[in-house]
Amino acid sequence: MQDRLFELVALGPELRDEAKRHGKGINESYLLVHHVLSRAFQEDLKDLPKENLRTHLSERLQESLRGCAA
């Protein structure tokens, strides 16, 4: 289970870069990633997909990005 926590944290910089590629500033990018990872940490880690965790979190980031645009 500990490995899953480290995996989530390790994906943070990749997700931040993805937010920046979508035109968000550095502070807003960090805030969006914080939101996505906070939601993930509140869930039971067993419920998060074992495969494609990055894709799963990227989809959540995309949802947040769409929410910012609205």
N, C-alpha and C. Protein backbone atom coordinates (compact mmCIF):
# COMPACT_ATOMS: atom_id res chain seq x y z
N MET A 1 0.82 -1.19 0.00
CA MET A 1 0.00 0.00 0.00
C MET A 1 0.87 1.26 0.00
N GLN A 2 1.98 1.19 0.68
CA GLN A 2 2.90 2.33 0.75
C GLN A 2 3.38 2.73 -0.64
N ASP A 3 3.60 1.74 -1.49
CA ASP A 3 4.05 2.03 -2.86
C ASP A 3 3.04 2.85 -3.62
N ARG A 4 1.77 2.62 -3.37
CA ARG A 4 0.71 3.36 -4.06
C ARG A 4 0.76 4.85 -3.67
N LEU A 5 1.04 5.11 -2.41
CA LEU A 5 1.15 6.50 -1.96
C LEU A 5 2.30 7.20 -2.67
N PHE A 6 3.44 6.52 -2.74
CA PHE A 6 4.60 7.10 -3.41
C PHE A 6 4.32 7.28 -4.91
N GLU A 7 3.58 6.35 -5.49
CA GLU A 7 3.24 6.46 -6.90
C GLU A 7 2.37 7.69 -7.16
N LEU A 8 1.42 7.93 -6.28
CA LEU A 8 0.56 9.12 -6.41
C LEU A 8 1.39 10.40 -6.34
N VAL A 9 2.25 10.48 -5.34
CA VAL A 9 3.08 11.67 -5.16
C VAL A 9 4.01 11.87 -6.36
N ALA A 10 4.57 10.78 -6.86
CA ALA A 10 5.51 10.86 -7.98
C ALA A 10 4.84 11.37 -9.25
N LEU A 11 3.54 11.20 -9.38
CA LEU A 11 2.83 11.67 -10.57
C LEU A 11 2.54 13.17 -10.53
N GLY A 12 2.72 13.79 -9.39
CA GLY A 12 2.44 15.22 -9.24
C GLY A 12 3.14 16.10 -10.26
N PRO A 13 4.46 16.00 -10.43
CA PRO A 13 5.14 16.86 -11.41
C PRO A 13 4.66 16.65 -12.84
N GLU A 14 4.34 15.41 -13.19
CA GLU A 14 3.83 15.16 -14.55
C GLU A 14 2.48 15.83 -14.75
N LEU A 15 1.63 15.74 -13.74
CA LEU A 15 0.31 16.36 -13.84
C LEU A 15 0.43 17.89 -13.87
N ARG A 16 1.36 18.43 -13.08
CA ARG A 16 1.60 19.88 -13.10
C ARG A 16 2.02 20.34 -14.49
N ASP A 17 2.94 19.59 -15.11
CA ASP A 17 3.38 19.92 -16.46
C ASP A 17 2.22 19.85 -17.45
N GLU A 18 1.35 18.89 -17.26
CA GLU A 18 0.18 18.77 -18.14
C GLU A 18 -0.72 19.99 -18.02
N ALA A 19 -0.94 20.45 -16.79
CA ALA A 19 -1.75 21.65 -16.57
C ALA A 19 -1.10 22.86 -17.21
N LYS A 20 0.23 22.96 -17.09
CA LYS A 20 0.94 24.08 -17.70
C LYS A 20 0.82 24.05 -19.22
N ARG A 21 0.84 22.86 -19.80
CA ARG A 21 0.69 22.73 -21.26
C ARG A 21 -0.69 23.20 -21.72
N HIS A 22 -1.64 23.19 -20.81
CA HIS A 22 -2.99 23.65 -21.13
C HIS A 22 -3.17 25.14 -20.82
N GLY A 23 -2.05 25.83 -20.62
CA GLY A 23 -2.10 27.27 -20.48
C GLY A 23 -2.27 27.80 -19.08
N LYS A 24 -2.20 26.95 -18.08
CA LYS A 24 -2.34 27.41 -16.71
C LYS A 24 -0.99 27.89 -16.20
N GLY A 25 -1.01 28.89 -15.35
CA GLY A 25 0.22 29.39 -14.74
C GLY A 25 0.74 28.40 -13.72
N ILE A 26 1.93 28.64 -13.21
CA ILE A 26 2.55 27.69 -12.29
C ILE A 26 1.73 27.52 -11.01
N ASN A 27 1.26 28.61 -10.43
CA ASN A 27 0.49 28.51 -9.19
C ASN A 27 -0.83 27.78 -9.40
N GLU A 28 -1.51 28.12 -10.48
CA GLU A 28 -2.78 27.46 -10.77
C GLU A 28 -2.56 25.98 -11.08
N SER A 29 -1.46 25.67 -11.75
CA SER A 29 -1.14 24.27 -12.05
C SER A 29 -0.95 23.47 -10.77
N TYR A 30 -0.19 24.05 -9.83
CA TYR A 30 0.00 23.37 -8.54
C TYR A 30 -1.32 23.19 -7.81
N LEU A 31 -2.16 24.20 -7.84
CA LEU A 31 -3.45 24.13 -7.15
C LEU A 31 -4.34 23.03 -7.76
N LEU A 32 -4.36 22.95 -9.08
CA LEU A 32 -5.15 21.91 -9.74
C LEU A 32 -4.64 20.52 -9.39
N VAL A 33 -3.33 20.35 -9.39
CA VAL A 33 -2.76 19.05 -9.05
C VAL A 33 -3.06 18.71 -7.58
N HIS A 34 -2.96 19.71 -6.73
CA HIS A 34 -3.29 19.50 -5.31
C HIS A 34 -4.73 18.99 -5.18
N HIS A 35 -5.63 19.60 -5.92
CA HIS A 35 -7.04 19.20 -5.88
C HIS A 35 -7.20 17.74 -6.33
N VAL A 36 -6.56 17.39 -7.44
CA VAL A 36 -6.67 16.04 -7.99
C VAL A 36 -6.08 15.01 -7.01
N LEU A 37 -4.89 15.30 -6.49
CA LEU A 37 -4.24 14.35 -5.59
C LEU A 37 -4.96 14.28 -4.24
N SER A 38 -5.50 15.38 -3.77
CA SER A 38 -6.26 15.36 -2.52
C SER A 38 -7.46 14.42 -2.62
N ARG A 39 -8.15 14.50 -3.75
CA ARG A 39 -9.28 13.59 -3.97
C ARG A 39 -8.81 12.14 -3.98
N ALA A 40 -7.68 11.89 -4.63
CA ALA A 40 -7.17 10.52 -4.73
C ALA A 40 -6.77 9.99 -3.35
N PHE A 41 -6.15 10.83 -2.51
CA PHE A 41 -5.73 10.40 -1.18
C PHE A 41 -6.92 10.14 -0.27
N GLN A 42 -8.06 10.75 -0.54
CA GLN A 42 -9.24 10.53 0.29
C GLN A 42 -9.92 9.21 -0.03
N GLU A 43 -9.63 8.67 -1.18
CA GLU A 43 -10.25 7.40 -1.59
C GLU A 43 -9.48 6.23 -1.00
N ASP A 44 -10.13 5.09 -1.00
CA ASP A 44 -9.43 3.86 -0.63
C ASP A 44 -8.48 3.54 -1.78
N LEU A 45 -7.21 3.40 -1.46
CA LEU A 45 -6.21 3.18 -2.51
C LEU A 45 -6.49 1.91 -3.31
N LYS A 46 -7.21 0.97 -2.72
CA LYS A 46 -7.56 -0.25 -3.44
C LYS A 46 -8.55 0.02 -4.57
N ASP A 47 -9.29 1.13 -4.46
CA ASP A 47 -10.28 1.47 -5.49
C ASP A 47 -9.66 2.18 -6.68
N LEU A 48 -8.44 2.70 -6.53
CA LEU A 48 -7.76 3.35 -7.65
C LEU A 48 -7.24 2.28 -8.60
N PRO A 49 -7.28 2.54 -9.88
CA PRO A 49 -6.83 1.51 -10.84
C PRO A 49 -5.36 1.17 -10.66
N LYS A 50 -5.07 -0.13 -10.68
CA LYS A 50 -3.67 -0.55 -10.56
C LYS A 50 -2.91 -0.24 -11.83
N GLU A 51 -3.55 -0.44 -12.94
CA GLU A 51 -2.97 -0.12 -14.24
C GLU A 51 -3.47 1.26 -14.64
N ASN A 52 -2.66 1.97 -15.34
CA ASN A 52 -3.07 3.27 -15.90
C ASN A 52 -3.46 4.29 -14.84
N LEU A 53 -2.78 4.29 -13.71
CA LEU A 53 -3.07 5.28 -12.67
C LEU A 53 -2.85 6.69 -13.20
N ARG A 54 -1.81 6.86 -13.98
CA ARG A 54 -1.52 8.18 -14.54
C ARG A 54 -2.66 8.64 -15.45
N THR A 55 -3.17 7.75 -16.27
CA THR A 55 -4.29 8.08 -17.16
C THR A 55 -5.52 8.46 -16.33
N HIS A 56 -5.78 7.71 -15.29
CA HIS A 56 -6.92 7.98 -14.42
C HIS A 56 -6.82 9.38 -13.80
N LEU A 57 -5.63 9.71 -13.27
CA LEU A 57 -5.45 11.03 -12.65
C LEU A 57 -5.44 12.14 -13.70
N SER A 58 -4.93 11.84 -14.88
CA SER A 58 -4.94 12.81 -15.96
C SER A 58 -6.38 13.15 -16.37
N GLU A 59 -7.24 12.16 -16.39
CA GLU A 59 -8.65 12.40 -16.71
C GLU A 59 -9.29 13.30 -15.66
N ARG A 60 -8.94 13.07 -14.41
CA ARG A 60 -9.47 13.94 -13.35
C ARG A 60 -8.94 15.36 -13.49
N LEU A 61 -7.68 15.48 -13.87
CA LEU A 61 -7.11 16.81 -14.09
C LEU A 61 -7.84 17.50 -15.24
N GLN A 62 -8.13 16.76 -16.30
CA GLN A 62 -8.86 17.31 -17.44
C GLN A 62 -10.24 17.82 -17.00
N GLU A 63 -10.89 17.08 -16.12
CA GLU A 63 -12.19 17.52 -15.60
C GLU A 63 -12.03 18.85 -14.85
N SER A 64 -10.99 18.94 -14.05
CA SER A 64 -10.73 20.18 -13.31
C SER A 64 -10.42 21.33 -14.26
N LEU A 65 -9.67 21.04 -15.30
CA LEU A 65 -9.34 22.07 -16.29
C LEU A 65 -10.59 22.57 -16.99
N ARG A 66 -11.49 21.66 -17.32
CA ARG A 66 -12.75 22.06 -17.96
C ARG A 66 -13.59 22.90 -17.00
N GLY A 67 -13.53 22.56 -15.71
CA GLY A 67 -14.27 23.33 -14.70
C GLY A 67 -13.73 24.74 -14.57
N CYS A 68 -12.42 24.91 -14.76
CA CYS A 68 -11.81 26.25 -14.69
C CYS A 68 -12.20 27.09 -15.89
N ALA A 69 -12.41 26.44 -17.01
CA ALA A 69 -12.74 27.17 -18.24
C ALA A 69 -14.17 27.66 -18.24
N ALA A 70 -15.01 27.01 -17.43
CA ALA A 70 -16.44 27.36 -17.43
C ALA A 70 -16.70 28.67 -16.73
